[in-house]
N, C-alpha and C. Protein backbone atom coordinates (compact mmCIF):
# COMPACT_ATOMS: atom_id res chain seq x y z
N UNK A 1 0.85 -1.17 0.00
CA UNK A 1 0.00 0.00 0.00
C UNK A 1 0.90 1.24 0.00
N UNK A 2 0.58 2.20 -0.87
CA UNK A 2 1.32 3.45 -0.93
C UNK A 2 0.70 4.46 0.02
N UNK A 3 1.52 5.05 0.88
CA UNK A 3 1.03 6.05 1.83
C UNK A 3 1.63 7.41 1.54
N UNK A 4 0.79 8.43 1.65
CA UNK A 4 1.24 9.81 1.59
C UNK A 4 1.09 10.38 2.99
N UNK A 5 2.20 10.85 3.53
CA UNK A 5 2.21 11.48 4.85
C UNK A 5 2.69 12.91 4.61
N UNK A 6 1.77 13.85 4.77
CA UNK A 6 2.05 15.21 4.31
C UNK A 6 1.52 16.24 5.30
N UNK A 7 2.32 17.27 5.52
CA UNK A 7 1.88 18.42 6.31
C UNK A 7 1.85 19.64 5.41
N UNK A 8 0.88 20.53 5.67
CA UNK A 8 0.68 21.73 4.85
C UNK A 8 0.70 22.97 5.73
N UNK A 9 1.25 24.04 5.17
CA UNK A 9 1.37 25.30 5.90
C UNK A 9 1.10 26.46 4.96
N UNK A 10 0.57 27.54 5.51
CA UNK A 10 0.49 28.78 4.76
C UNK A 10 1.87 29.43 4.78
N UNK A 11 2.10 30.31 3.82
CA UNK A 11 3.43 30.89 3.62
C UNK A 11 3.37 32.41 3.79
N UNK A 12 4.39 32.95 4.45
CA UNK A 12 4.55 34.39 4.58
C UNK A 12 5.24 34.90 3.31
N UNK A 13 4.49 35.53 2.44
CA UNK A 13 5.00 35.98 1.13
C UNK A 13 6.17 36.94 1.26
N UNK A 14 6.21 37.68 2.36
CA UNK A 14 7.28 38.67 2.53
C UNK A 14 8.65 38.03 2.71
N UNK A 15 8.69 36.74 3.03
CA UNK A 15 9.97 36.08 3.28
C UNK A 15 10.42 35.19 2.12
N UNK A 16 9.69 35.19 1.03
CA UNK A 16 10.04 34.33 -0.10
C UNK A 16 11.31 34.77 -0.82
N UNK A 17 11.67 36.01 -0.69
CA UNK A 17 12.84 36.53 -1.41
C UNK A 17 14.11 35.76 -1.06
N UNK A 18 14.17 35.16 0.12
CA UNK A 18 15.41 34.51 0.53
C UNK A 18 15.47 33.03 0.16
N UNK A 19 14.43 32.53 -0.50
CA UNK A 19 14.42 31.10 -0.85
C UNK A 19 15.15 30.86 -2.16
N UNK A 20 15.85 29.74 -2.20
CA UNK A 20 16.58 29.34 -3.40
C UNK A 20 15.89 28.10 -3.98
N UNK A 21 14.90 28.33 -4.84
CA UNK A 21 14.14 27.21 -5.43
C UNK A 21 15.02 26.46 -6.40
N UNK A 22 14.90 25.12 -6.38
CA UNK A 22 15.69 24.33 -7.32
C UNK A 22 14.88 23.76 -8.46
N UNK A 23 13.55 23.95 -8.46
CA UNK A 23 12.74 23.54 -9.60
C UNK A 23 11.43 24.31 -9.60
N UNK A 24 10.83 24.37 -10.79
CA UNK A 24 9.53 25.02 -10.93
C UNK A 24 8.80 24.33 -12.08
N UNK A 25 7.50 24.12 -11.88
CA UNK A 25 6.68 23.58 -12.96
C UNK A 25 5.27 24.13 -12.84
N UNK A 26 4.63 24.26 -13.99
CA UNK A 26 3.23 24.68 -14.03
C UNK A 26 2.38 23.43 -13.97
N UNK A 27 1.32 23.48 -13.16
CA UNK A 27 0.46 22.32 -12.97
C UNK A 27 -0.99 22.71 -13.23
N UNK A 28 -1.68 21.85 -13.99
CA UNK A 28 -3.14 21.92 -14.11
C UNK A 28 -3.66 20.61 -13.55
N UNK A 29 -4.62 20.68 -12.65
CA UNK A 29 -5.15 19.44 -12.10
C UNK A 29 -6.65 19.56 -11.88
N UNK A 30 -7.33 18.48 -12.21
CA UNK A 30 -8.77 18.42 -12.04
C UNK A 30 -9.16 17.15 -11.32
N UNK A 31 -10.39 17.11 -10.87
CA UNK A 31 -10.87 16.00 -10.03
C UNK A 31 -12.05 15.31 -10.70
N UNK A 32 -11.90 14.01 -10.90
CA UNK A 32 -12.94 13.22 -11.53
C UNK A 32 -13.88 12.60 -10.51
N UNK A 33 -13.42 12.50 -9.26
CA UNK A 33 -14.22 11.92 -8.19
C UNK A 33 -13.71 12.49 -6.87
N UNK A 34 -14.62 12.56 -5.89
CA UNK A 34 -14.23 13.07 -4.56
C UNK A 34 -14.08 11.96 -3.52
N UNK A 35 -14.78 10.86 -3.66
CA UNK A 35 -14.70 9.76 -2.69
C UNK A 35 -14.70 8.44 -3.42
N UNK A 36 -13.57 7.84 -3.68
CA UNK A 36 -12.23 8.35 -3.36
C UNK A 36 -11.88 9.51 -4.29
N UNK A 37 -10.86 10.24 -3.89
CA UNK A 37 -10.39 11.34 -4.73
C UNK A 37 -9.66 10.75 -5.93
N UNK A 38 -10.11 11.12 -7.12
CA UNK A 38 -9.43 10.71 -8.35
C UNK A 38 -9.04 11.99 -9.07
N UNK A 39 -7.75 12.19 -9.19
CA UNK A 39 -7.21 13.43 -9.73
C UNK A 39 -6.43 13.15 -11.02
N UNK A 40 -6.55 14.07 -11.97
CA UNK A 40 -5.70 14.05 -13.15
C UNK A 40 -4.83 15.30 -13.08
N UNK A 41 -3.54 15.12 -13.31
CA UNK A 41 -2.59 16.23 -13.21
C UNK A 41 -1.74 16.28 -14.47
N UNK A 42 -1.61 17.48 -15.01
CA UNK A 42 -0.78 17.72 -16.18
C UNK A 42 0.27 18.76 -15.80
N UNK A 43 1.54 18.41 -15.95
CA UNK A 43 2.63 19.34 -15.68
C UNK A 43 3.22 19.79 -17.02
N UNK A 44 4.32 20.50 -16.96
CA UNK A 44 4.98 20.96 -18.18
C UNK A 44 5.37 19.80 -19.10
N UNK A 45 5.71 18.66 -18.51
CA UNK A 45 6.27 17.56 -19.31
C UNK A 45 5.64 16.20 -19.08
N UNK A 46 4.84 16.05 -18.02
CA UNK A 46 4.32 14.73 -17.67
C UNK A 46 2.87 14.84 -17.21
N UNK A 47 2.22 13.67 -17.12
CA UNK A 47 0.83 13.63 -16.67
C UNK A 47 0.62 12.41 -15.78
N UNK A 48 -0.33 12.55 -14.83
CA UNK A 48 -0.57 11.49 -13.85
C UNK A 48 -2.05 11.36 -13.55
N UNK A 49 -2.44 10.15 -13.24
CA UNK A 49 -3.75 9.86 -12.68
C UNK A 49 -3.50 9.35 -11.27
N UNK A 50 -4.16 9.96 -10.29
CA UNK A 50 -3.89 9.65 -8.89
C UNK A 50 -5.20 9.34 -8.17
N UNK A 51 -5.17 8.29 -7.34
CA UNK A 51 -6.31 7.92 -6.51
C UNK A 51 -5.86 8.05 -5.06
N UNK A 52 -6.66 8.79 -4.26
CA UNK A 52 -6.32 9.01 -2.85
C UNK A 52 -7.51 8.66 -1.97
N UNK A 53 -7.21 8.04 -0.83
CA UNK A 53 -8.24 7.74 0.16
C UNK A 53 -8.53 8.98 1.00
N UNK A 54 -9.47 8.88 1.90
CA UNK A 54 -9.72 9.96 2.85
C UNK A 54 -8.49 10.12 3.74
N UNK A 55 -8.28 11.35 4.19
CA UNK A 55 -7.14 11.65 5.05
C UNK A 55 -7.47 11.32 6.49
N UNK A 56 -6.56 10.64 7.16
CA UNK A 56 -6.66 10.36 8.59
C UNK A 56 -5.45 11.00 9.24
N UNK A 57 -5.69 12.14 9.90
CA UNK A 57 -4.57 12.91 10.43
C UNK A 57 -3.84 13.55 9.29
N UNK A 58 -2.58 13.15 9.08
CA UNK A 58 -1.80 13.66 7.95
C UNK A 58 -1.44 12.53 6.98
N UNK A 59 -2.16 11.41 7.09
CA UNK A 59 -1.83 10.22 6.31
C UNK A 59 -3.03 9.78 5.46
N UNK A 60 -2.73 9.31 4.26
CA UNK A 60 -3.75 8.70 3.42
C UNK A 60 -3.09 7.80 2.40
N UNK A 61 -3.88 6.89 1.86
CA UNK A 61 -3.38 6.03 0.79
C UNK A 61 -3.32 6.85 -0.50
N UNK A 62 -2.28 6.60 -1.29
CA UNK A 62 -2.13 7.31 -2.55
C UNK A 62 -1.56 6.35 -3.59
N UNK A 63 -2.23 6.30 -4.73
CA UNK A 63 -1.79 5.47 -5.85
C UNK A 63 -1.69 6.38 -7.06
N UNK A 64 -0.48 6.51 -7.62
CA UNK A 64 -0.26 7.45 -8.71
C UNK A 64 0.34 6.73 -9.91
N UNK A 65 -0.21 7.05 -11.10
CA UNK A 65 0.20 6.37 -12.32
C UNK A 65 0.47 7.41 -13.41
N UNK A 66 1.62 7.30 -14.06
CA UNK A 66 1.89 8.20 -15.17
C UNK A 66 1.03 7.76 -16.36
N UNK A 67 0.46 8.77 -17.05
CA UNK A 67 -0.39 8.52 -18.21
C UNK A 67 0.09 9.42 -19.35
N UNK A 68 -0.30 9.12 -20.58
CA UNK A 68 0.07 9.99 -21.70
C UNK A 68 -0.51 11.40 -21.52
N UNK A 69 0.25 12.41 -21.90
CA UNK A 69 -0.23 13.78 -21.72
C UNK A 69 -1.51 14.04 -22.52
N UNK A 70 -1.65 13.41 -23.68
CA UNK A 70 -2.88 13.58 -24.47
C UNK A 70 -4.09 13.05 -23.71
N UNK A 71 -3.92 11.95 -22.99
CA UNK A 71 -5.01 11.42 -22.16
C UNK A 71 -5.37 12.40 -21.05
N UNK A 72 -4.35 12.98 -20.42
CA UNK A 72 -4.59 13.93 -19.33
C UNK A 72 -5.33 15.15 -19.86
N UNK A 73 -4.96 15.63 -21.03
CA UNK A 73 -5.67 16.78 -21.61
C UNK A 73 -7.14 16.48 -21.82
N UNK A 74 -7.46 15.28 -22.29
CA UNK A 74 -8.86 14.89 -22.50
C UNK A 74 -9.59 14.73 -21.17
N UNK A 75 -8.92 14.12 -20.19
CA UNK A 75 -9.54 13.94 -18.87
C UNK A 75 -9.80 15.29 -18.19
N UNK A 76 -8.89 16.24 -18.36
CA UNK A 76 -9.10 17.57 -17.78
C UNK A 76 -10.34 18.25 -18.38
N UNK A 77 -10.63 17.97 -19.64
CA UNK A 77 -11.84 18.51 -20.26
C UNK A 77 -13.09 18.01 -19.56
N UNK A 78 -13.05 16.77 -19.05
CA UNK A 78 -14.19 16.21 -18.32
C UNK A 78 -14.44 16.95 -17.01
N UNK A 79 -13.41 17.62 -16.50
CA UNK A 79 -13.52 18.35 -15.23
C UNK A 79 -14.18 19.71 -15.41
N UNK A 80 -14.34 20.17 -16.65
CA UNK A 80 -14.96 21.47 -16.91
C UNK A 80 -14.18 22.60 -16.28
N UNK A 81 -14.90 23.46 -15.55
CA UNK A 81 -14.27 24.61 -14.90
C UNK A 81 -13.53 24.22 -13.64
N UNK A 82 -13.68 23.00 -13.18
CA UNK A 82 -13.11 22.59 -11.90
C UNK A 82 -11.68 22.08 -12.06
N UNK A 83 -10.84 22.96 -12.58
CA UNK A 83 -9.43 22.65 -12.77
C UNK A 83 -8.61 23.71 -12.04
N UNK A 84 -7.73 23.27 -11.18
CA UNK A 84 -6.80 24.17 -10.48
C UNK A 84 -5.59 24.41 -11.36
N UNK A 85 -5.10 25.63 -11.33
CA UNK A 85 -3.85 25.96 -12.00
C UNK A 85 -2.94 26.59 -10.97
N UNK A 86 -1.70 26.12 -10.99
CA UNK A 86 -0.74 26.61 -10.00
C UNK A 86 0.67 26.38 -10.52
N UNK A 87 1.60 27.10 -9.89
CA UNK A 87 3.02 26.86 -10.11
C UNK A 87 3.54 26.18 -8.85
N UNK A 88 4.34 25.16 -9.04
CA UNK A 88 4.96 24.47 -7.90
C UNK A 88 6.46 24.71 -7.97
N UNK A 89 6.96 25.25 -6.87
CA UNK A 89 8.40 25.47 -6.74
C UNK A 89 8.90 24.66 -5.56
N UNK A 90 10.10 24.11 -5.69
CA UNK A 90 10.65 23.26 -4.64
C UNK A 90 11.88 23.91 -4.03
N UNK A 91 12.00 23.70 -2.71
CA UNK A 91 13.14 24.22 -1.97
C UNK A 91 13.49 23.18 -0.89
N UNK A 92 14.76 23.09 -0.56
CA UNK A 92 15.17 22.19 0.51
C UNK A 92 15.33 22.98 1.81
N UNK A 93 14.83 22.39 2.89
CA UNK A 93 14.99 23.01 4.21
C UNK A 93 14.94 21.91 5.26
N UNK A 94 15.89 21.91 6.17
CA UNK A 94 15.89 20.97 7.28
C UNK A 94 15.93 19.51 6.88
N UNK A 95 16.57 19.22 5.76
CA UNK A 95 16.68 17.84 5.30
C UNK A 95 15.44 17.32 4.59
N UNK A 96 14.50 18.19 4.30
CA UNK A 96 13.28 17.82 3.58
C UNK A 96 13.11 18.69 2.34
N UNK A 97 12.44 18.14 1.34
CA UNK A 97 12.06 18.92 0.18
C UNK A 97 10.67 19.49 0.43
N UNK A 98 10.56 20.80 0.36
CA UNK A 98 9.30 21.50 0.53
C UNK A 98 8.78 21.90 -0.85
N UNK A 99 7.50 21.68 -1.10
CA UNK A 99 6.86 22.08 -2.34
C UNK A 99 5.95 23.26 -2.03
N UNK A 100 6.19 24.38 -2.70
CA UNK A 100 5.35 25.57 -2.51
C UNK A 100 4.45 25.72 -3.73
N UNK A 101 3.16 25.72 -3.50
CA UNK A 101 2.19 25.87 -4.57
C UNK A 101 1.68 27.30 -4.59
N UNK A 102 1.88 27.98 -5.71
CA UNK A 102 1.45 29.35 -5.94
C UNK A 102 0.21 29.27 -6.83
N UNK A 103 -0.96 29.46 -6.25
CA UNK A 103 -2.22 29.25 -6.97
C UNK A 103 -2.53 30.42 -7.89
N UNK A 104 -3.22 30.11 -8.97
CA UNK A 104 -3.64 31.10 -9.95
C UNK A 104 -5.17 31.13 -9.95
N UNK A 105 -5.74 32.01 -10.75
CA UNK A 105 -7.20 32.09 -10.87
C UNK A 105 -7.82 32.70 -9.63
N UNK A 106 -8.96 32.18 -9.22
CA UNK A 106 -9.69 32.79 -8.10
C UNK A 106 -8.94 32.66 -6.77
N UNK A 107 -7.95 31.79 -6.71
CA UNK A 107 -7.14 31.64 -5.49
C UNK A 107 -5.78 32.32 -5.62
N UNK A 108 -5.65 33.22 -6.59
CA UNK A 108 -4.39 33.94 -6.78
C UNK A 108 -3.99 34.61 -5.48
N UNK A 109 -2.74 34.48 -5.13
CA UNK A 109 -2.24 35.04 -3.87
C UNK A 109 -2.10 34.00 -2.77
N UNK A 110 -2.78 32.87 -2.93
CA UNK A 110 -2.67 31.78 -1.96
C UNK A 110 -1.41 30.99 -2.26
N UNK A 111 -0.58 30.80 -1.23
CA UNK A 111 0.63 29.97 -1.35
C UNK A 111 0.59 28.96 -0.21
N UNK A 112 0.66 27.69 -0.57
CA UNK A 112 0.64 26.62 0.41
C UNK A 112 1.93 25.82 0.27
N UNK A 113 2.62 25.61 1.39
CA UNK A 113 3.83 24.79 1.42
C UNK A 113 3.47 23.40 1.93
N UNK A 114 3.93 22.39 1.21
CA UNK A 114 3.69 21.00 1.60
C UNK A 114 5.02 20.30 1.78
N UNK A 115 5.06 19.41 2.74
CA UNK A 115 6.26 18.60 2.94
C UNK A 115 5.81 17.17 3.23
N UNK A 116 6.38 16.22 2.49
CA UNK A 116 6.07 14.81 2.72
C UNK A 116 7.09 14.24 3.69
N UNK A 117 6.58 13.39 4.57
CA UNK A 117 7.40 12.82 5.64
C UNK A 117 7.39 11.30 5.56
N UNK A 118 8.44 10.66 6.08
CA UNK A 118 8.48 9.20 6.07
C UNK A 118 7.56 8.56 7.11
N UNK A 119 7.20 9.31 8.16
CA UNK A 119 6.28 8.79 9.18
C UNK A 119 5.55 9.97 9.81
N UNK A 120 4.35 9.72 10.36
CA UNK A 120 3.57 10.82 10.94
C UNK A 120 4.25 11.51 12.12
N UNK A 121 5.11 10.80 12.84
CA UNK A 121 5.76 11.38 14.02
C UNK A 121 7.18 11.90 13.73
N UNK A 122 7.52 12.02 12.45
CA UNK A 122 8.83 12.54 12.05
C UNK A 122 9.01 13.96 12.59
N UNK A 123 10.10 14.24 13.31
CA UNK A 123 10.35 15.62 13.76
C UNK A 123 10.54 16.52 12.54
N UNK A 124 10.00 17.72 12.62
CA UNK A 124 10.05 18.63 11.49
C UNK A 124 10.44 20.02 11.96
N UNK A 125 11.58 20.49 11.49
CA UNK A 125 12.01 21.87 11.77
C UNK A 125 11.24 22.77 10.81
N UNK A 126 10.55 23.75 11.37
CA UNK A 126 9.75 24.65 10.54
C UNK A 126 10.56 25.87 10.13
N UNK A 127 10.56 26.18 8.85
CA UNK A 127 11.25 27.39 8.40
C UNK A 127 10.48 28.64 8.83
N UNK A 128 11.17 29.76 8.88
CA UNK A 128 10.52 31.00 9.32
C UNK A 128 9.56 31.57 8.28
N UNK A 129 9.53 31.01 7.07
CA UNK A 129 8.63 31.50 6.03
C UNK A 129 7.28 30.80 6.01
N UNK A 130 7.06 29.84 6.92
CA UNK A 130 5.72 29.27 7.05
C UNK A 130 5.02 29.95 8.22
N UNK A 131 3.70 30.03 8.13
CA UNK A 131 2.93 30.66 9.19
C UNK A 131 2.08 29.60 9.88
N UNK A 132 0.85 29.47 9.51
CA UNK A 132 -0.09 28.57 10.18
C UNK A 132 -0.14 27.22 9.49
N UNK A 133 -0.17 26.15 10.30
CA UNK A 133 -0.36 24.81 9.73
C UNK A 133 -1.82 24.63 9.36
N UNK A 134 -2.05 24.09 8.15
CA UNK A 134 -3.41 23.87 7.66
C UNK A 134 -3.60 22.42 7.21
N UNK A 135 -2.78 21.52 7.75
CA UNK A 135 -2.86 20.12 7.35
C UNK A 135 -4.26 19.54 7.54
N UNK A 136 -4.93 19.91 8.61
CA UNK A 136 -6.25 19.37 8.90
C UNK A 136 -7.40 20.26 8.48
N UNK A 137 -7.11 21.37 7.82
CA UNK A 137 -8.14 22.32 7.41
C UNK A 137 -8.59 21.97 5.99
N UNK A 138 -9.78 21.40 5.87
CA UNK A 138 -10.28 20.91 4.59
C UNK A 138 -10.41 22.02 3.54
N UNK A 139 -10.48 23.27 3.96
CA UNK A 139 -10.57 24.37 2.99
C UNK A 139 -9.33 24.43 2.10
N UNK A 140 -8.22 23.89 2.58
CA UNK A 140 -6.96 23.96 1.83
C UNK A 140 -6.65 22.67 1.08
N UNK A 141 -7.55 21.69 1.10
CA UNK A 141 -7.36 20.50 0.29
C UNK A 141 -7.59 20.91 -1.16
N UNK A 142 -6.70 20.55 -2.05
CA UNK A 142 -6.84 20.93 -3.45
C UNK A 142 -8.18 20.51 -4.03
N UNK A 143 -8.65 19.33 -3.64
CA UNK A 143 -9.93 18.84 -4.15
C UNK A 143 -11.08 19.75 -3.74
N UNK A 144 -10.93 20.46 -2.63
CA UNK A 144 -11.97 21.40 -2.19
C UNK A 144 -11.80 22.77 -2.81
N UNK A 145 -10.59 23.15 -3.15
CA UNK A 145 -10.35 24.46 -3.74
C UNK A 145 -11.03 24.61 -5.11
N UNK A 146 -11.29 23.51 -5.79
CA UNK A 146 -11.93 23.59 -7.11
C UNK A 146 -13.45 23.69 -7.03
N UNK A 147 -14.01 23.46 -5.86
CA UNK A 147 -15.47 23.48 -5.73
C UNK A 147 -16.01 24.90 -5.81
N UNK A 148 -17.13 25.06 -6.49
CA UNK A 148 -17.76 26.36 -6.65
C UNK A 148 -18.42 26.86 -5.37
N UNK A 149 -18.79 25.96 -4.47
CA UNK A 149 -19.56 26.37 -3.29
C UNK A 149 -18.69 26.77 -2.10
N UNK A 150 -17.38 26.77 -2.28
CA UNK A 150 -16.49 27.15 -1.19
C UNK A 150 -15.96 28.56 -1.41
N UNK A 151 -15.92 29.32 -0.34
CA UNK A 151 -15.28 30.64 -0.42
C UNK A 151 -13.78 30.43 -0.43
N UNK A 152 -13.08 31.25 -1.16
CA UNK A 152 -11.63 31.14 -1.23
C UNK A 152 -11.02 31.30 0.16
N UNK A 153 -10.20 30.34 0.61
CA UNK A 153 -9.58 30.48 1.93
C UNK A 153 -8.62 31.67 1.98
N UNK A 154 -8.16 32.13 0.84
CA UNK A 154 -7.23 33.27 0.79
C UNK A 154 -7.87 34.48 1.47
N UNK A 155 -9.18 34.61 1.39
CA UNK A 155 -9.86 35.76 1.99
C UNK A 155 -9.94 35.64 3.50
N UNK A 156 -9.76 34.47 4.05
CA UNK A 156 -9.91 34.26 5.49
C UNK A 156 -8.58 34.28 6.22
N UNK A 157 -7.49 34.35 5.48
CA UNK A 157 -6.16 34.27 6.09
C UNK A 157 -5.73 35.64 6.56
């Protein structure tokens, strides 16, 4: 069984100037199902179909499969307007790779930092550029950010 153990944090935009990102990619992702979560993701060069279970704490099952980019483009069309667009930049801090998602569209201005861990109780040194942890806040789950009935969490921060 594949497990994703991930913590999420909001980011202090004023402190981003000091980060040395080592990669960046544009991502479009849409959701074909919510229970279980079935996501299609298209990056600059690759595409994936991902199935995720419900989150328990900071852990959930995750099964990810690379698919042809043409298939991903067609699957994203099935998602209609419910497609997230974001830039993902990566930075290393405290022995972990942090992924910072810079959202576009109606969530422009929202930046969420994610870090995957080998176990739920892994000690984690927090960088000074993260603010509030939102790992358990469903408003910040990507699958919820695409829903029309949710207010943008960016307005509540």
